[in-house]
Amino acid sequence: MVAIGFIHEAKSYGIKFPDDFAIIGFDDIEMTSAIESPLNSIKQSILKLGEEAVNILKNIFKGKMKNL
């Protein structure tokens, strides 16, 4: 969503996407196909990211890892 917002804001200043700049989004949301030039996007597993965050917190609480 941030990448799409950036593209729209850049266009309001006369900056052309993808001619003048390149951008890559994250999360591979379906909305990326709705803009004029499709946005390249990296797919990530939200579930795996959440699981890893919980594991990091558990390790911090157990003293196995220092606060980041």
C-alpha atoms as a PDB file:
ATOM      1  CA  MET A   1       0.000   0.000   0.000  1.00  0.00           C
ATOM      2  CA  VAL A   2       2.875   2.393   0.787  1.00  0.00           C
ATOM      3  CA  ALA A   3       4.474   1.734  -2.601  1.00  0.00           C
ATOM      4  CA  ILE A   4       1.174   2.434  -4.385  1.00  0.00           C
ATOM      5  CA  GLY A   5       0.735   5.650  -2.392  1.00  0.00           C
ATOM      6  CA  PHE A   6       4.275   6.697  -3.286  1.00  0.00           C
ATOM      7  CA  ILE A   7       3.605   6.099  -6.986  1.00  0.00           C
ATOM      8  CA  HIS A   8       0.452   8.223  -6.894  1.00  0.00           C
ATOM      9  CA  GLU A   9       2.213  11.022  -4.996  1.00  0.00           C
ATOM     10  CA  ALA A  10       5.158  10.983  -7.434  1.00  0.00           C
ATOM     11  CA  LYS A  11       2.731  11.288 -10.363  1.00  0.00           C
ATOM     12  CA  SER A  12       1.224  14.405  -8.776  1.00  0.00           C
ATOM     13  CA  TYR A  13       4.704  15.986  -9.097  1.00  0.00           C
ATOM     14  CA  GLY A  14       5.043  14.940 -12.734  1.00  0.00           C
ATOM     15  CA  ILE A  15       7.365  12.032 -11.998  1.00  0.00           C
ATOM     16  CA  LYS A  16       6.568   9.080 -14.240  1.00  0.00           C
ATOM     17  CA  PHE A  17       6.441   5.484 -13.044  1.00  0.00           C
ATOM     18  CA  PRO A  18       8.159   3.285 -14.181  1.00  0.00           C
ATOM     19  CA  ASP A  19      10.061   5.611 -16.557  1.00  0.00           C
ATOM     20  CA  ASP A  20      11.620   7.894 -13.908  1.00  0.00           C
ATOM     21  CA  PHE A  21      11.948   5.549 -10.928  1.00  0.00           C
ATOM     22  CA  ALA A  22      11.665   1.929  -9.875  1.00  0.00           C
ATOM     23  CA  ILE A  23       9.995   0.623  -6.744  1.00  0.00           C
ATOM     24  CA  ILE A  24       9.277  -2.820  -5.307  1.00  0.00           C
ATOM     25  CA  GLY A  25       6.418  -3.541  -2.946  1.00  0.00           C
ATOM     26  CA  PHE A  26       6.100  -6.152  -0.232  1.00  0.00           C
ATOM     27  CA  ASP A  27       3.284  -8.551   0.657  1.00  0.00           C
ATOM     28  CA  ASP A  28       2.202  -9.127  -2.970  1.00  0.00           C
ATOM     29  CA  ILE A  29      -1.254  -7.602  -2.478  1.00  0.00           C
ATOM     30  CA  GLU A  30      -3.756  -7.882  -5.324  1.00  0.00           C
ATOM     31  CA  MET A  31      -4.094  -4.102  -5.552  1.00  0.00           C
ATOM     32  CA  THR A  32      -0.687  -3.880  -7.239  1.00  0.00           C
ATOM     33  CA  SER A  33      -2.278  -5.055 -10.481  1.00  0.00           C
ATOM     34  CA  ALA A  34      -4.807  -2.182 -10.363  1.00  0.00           C
ATOM     35  CA  ILE A  35      -2.292   0.559 -11.128  1.00  0.00           C
ATOM     36  CA  GLU A  36      -1.340   1.536 -14.712  1.00  0.00           C
ATOM     37  CA  SER A  37       2.033  -0.220 -14.728  1.00  0.00           C
ATOM     38  CA  PRO A  38       1.980  -3.328 -12.547  1.00  0.00           C
ATOM     39  CA  LEU A  39       4.161  -3.039  -9.473  1.00  0.00           C
ATOM     40  CA  ASN A  40       6.755  -5.721  -8.771  1.00  0.00           C
ATOM     41  CA  SER A  41       6.075  -7.125  -5.347  1.00  0.00           C
ATOM     42  CA  ILE A  42       7.770  -9.598  -3.042  1.00  0.00           C
ATOM     43  CA  LYS A  43       5.488 -12.161  -1.440  1.00  0.00           C
ATOM     44  CA  GLN A  44       6.054 -12.818   2.268  1.00  0.00           C
ATOM     45  CA  SER A  45       4.246 -15.093   4.656  1.00  0.00           C
ATOM     46  CA  ILE A  46       2.535 -12.902   7.237  1.00  0.00           C
ATOM     47  CA  LEU A  47       1.949 -16.001   9.394  1.00  0.00           C
ATOM     48  CA  LYS A  48       5.663 -16.907   9.401  1.00  0.00           C
ATOM     49  CA  LEU A  49       6.630 -13.315  10.204  1.00  0.00           C
ATOM     50  CA  GLY A  50       4.245 -13.346  13.169  1.00  0.00           C
ATOM     51  CA  GLU A  51       5.548 -16.696  14.383  1.00  0.00           C
ATOM     52  CA  GLU A  52       9.137 -15.456  14.223  1.00  0.00           C
ATOM     53  CA  ALA A  53       8.199 -12.304  16.153  1.00  0.00           C
ATOM     54  CA  VAL A  54       6.651 -14.445  18.911  1.00  0.00           C
ATOM     55  CA  ASN A  55       9.750 -16.671  19.025  1.00  0.00           C
ATOM     56  CA  ILE A  56      11.999 -13.629  19.345  1.00  0.00           C
ATOM     57  CA  LEU A  57       9.887 -12.274  22.218  1.00  0.00           C
ATOM     58  CA  LYS A  58       9.939 -15.667  23.970  1.00  0.00           C
ATOM     59  CA  ASN A  59      13.733 -15.795  23.721  1.00  0.00           C
ATOM     60  CA  ILE A  60      14.052 -12.247  25.049  1.00  0.00           C
ATOM     61  CA  PHE A  61      11.791 -13.058  28.016  1.00  0.00           C
ATOM     62  CA  LYS A  62      13.760 -16.239  28.744  1.00  0.00           C
ATOM     63  CA  GLY A  63      17.026 -14.285  28.664  1.00  0.00           C
ATOM     64  CA  LYS A  64      18.326 -16.234  25.661  1.00  0.00           C
ATOM     65  CA  MET A  65      18.457 -13.121  23.497  1.00  0.00           C
ATOM     66  CA  LYS A  66      19.193  -9.471  24.197  1.00  0.00           C
ATOM     67  CA  ASN A  67      16.620  -6.815  23.334  1.00  0.00           C
ATOM     68  CA  LEU A  68      16.980  -5.756  19.721  1.00  0.00           C
END
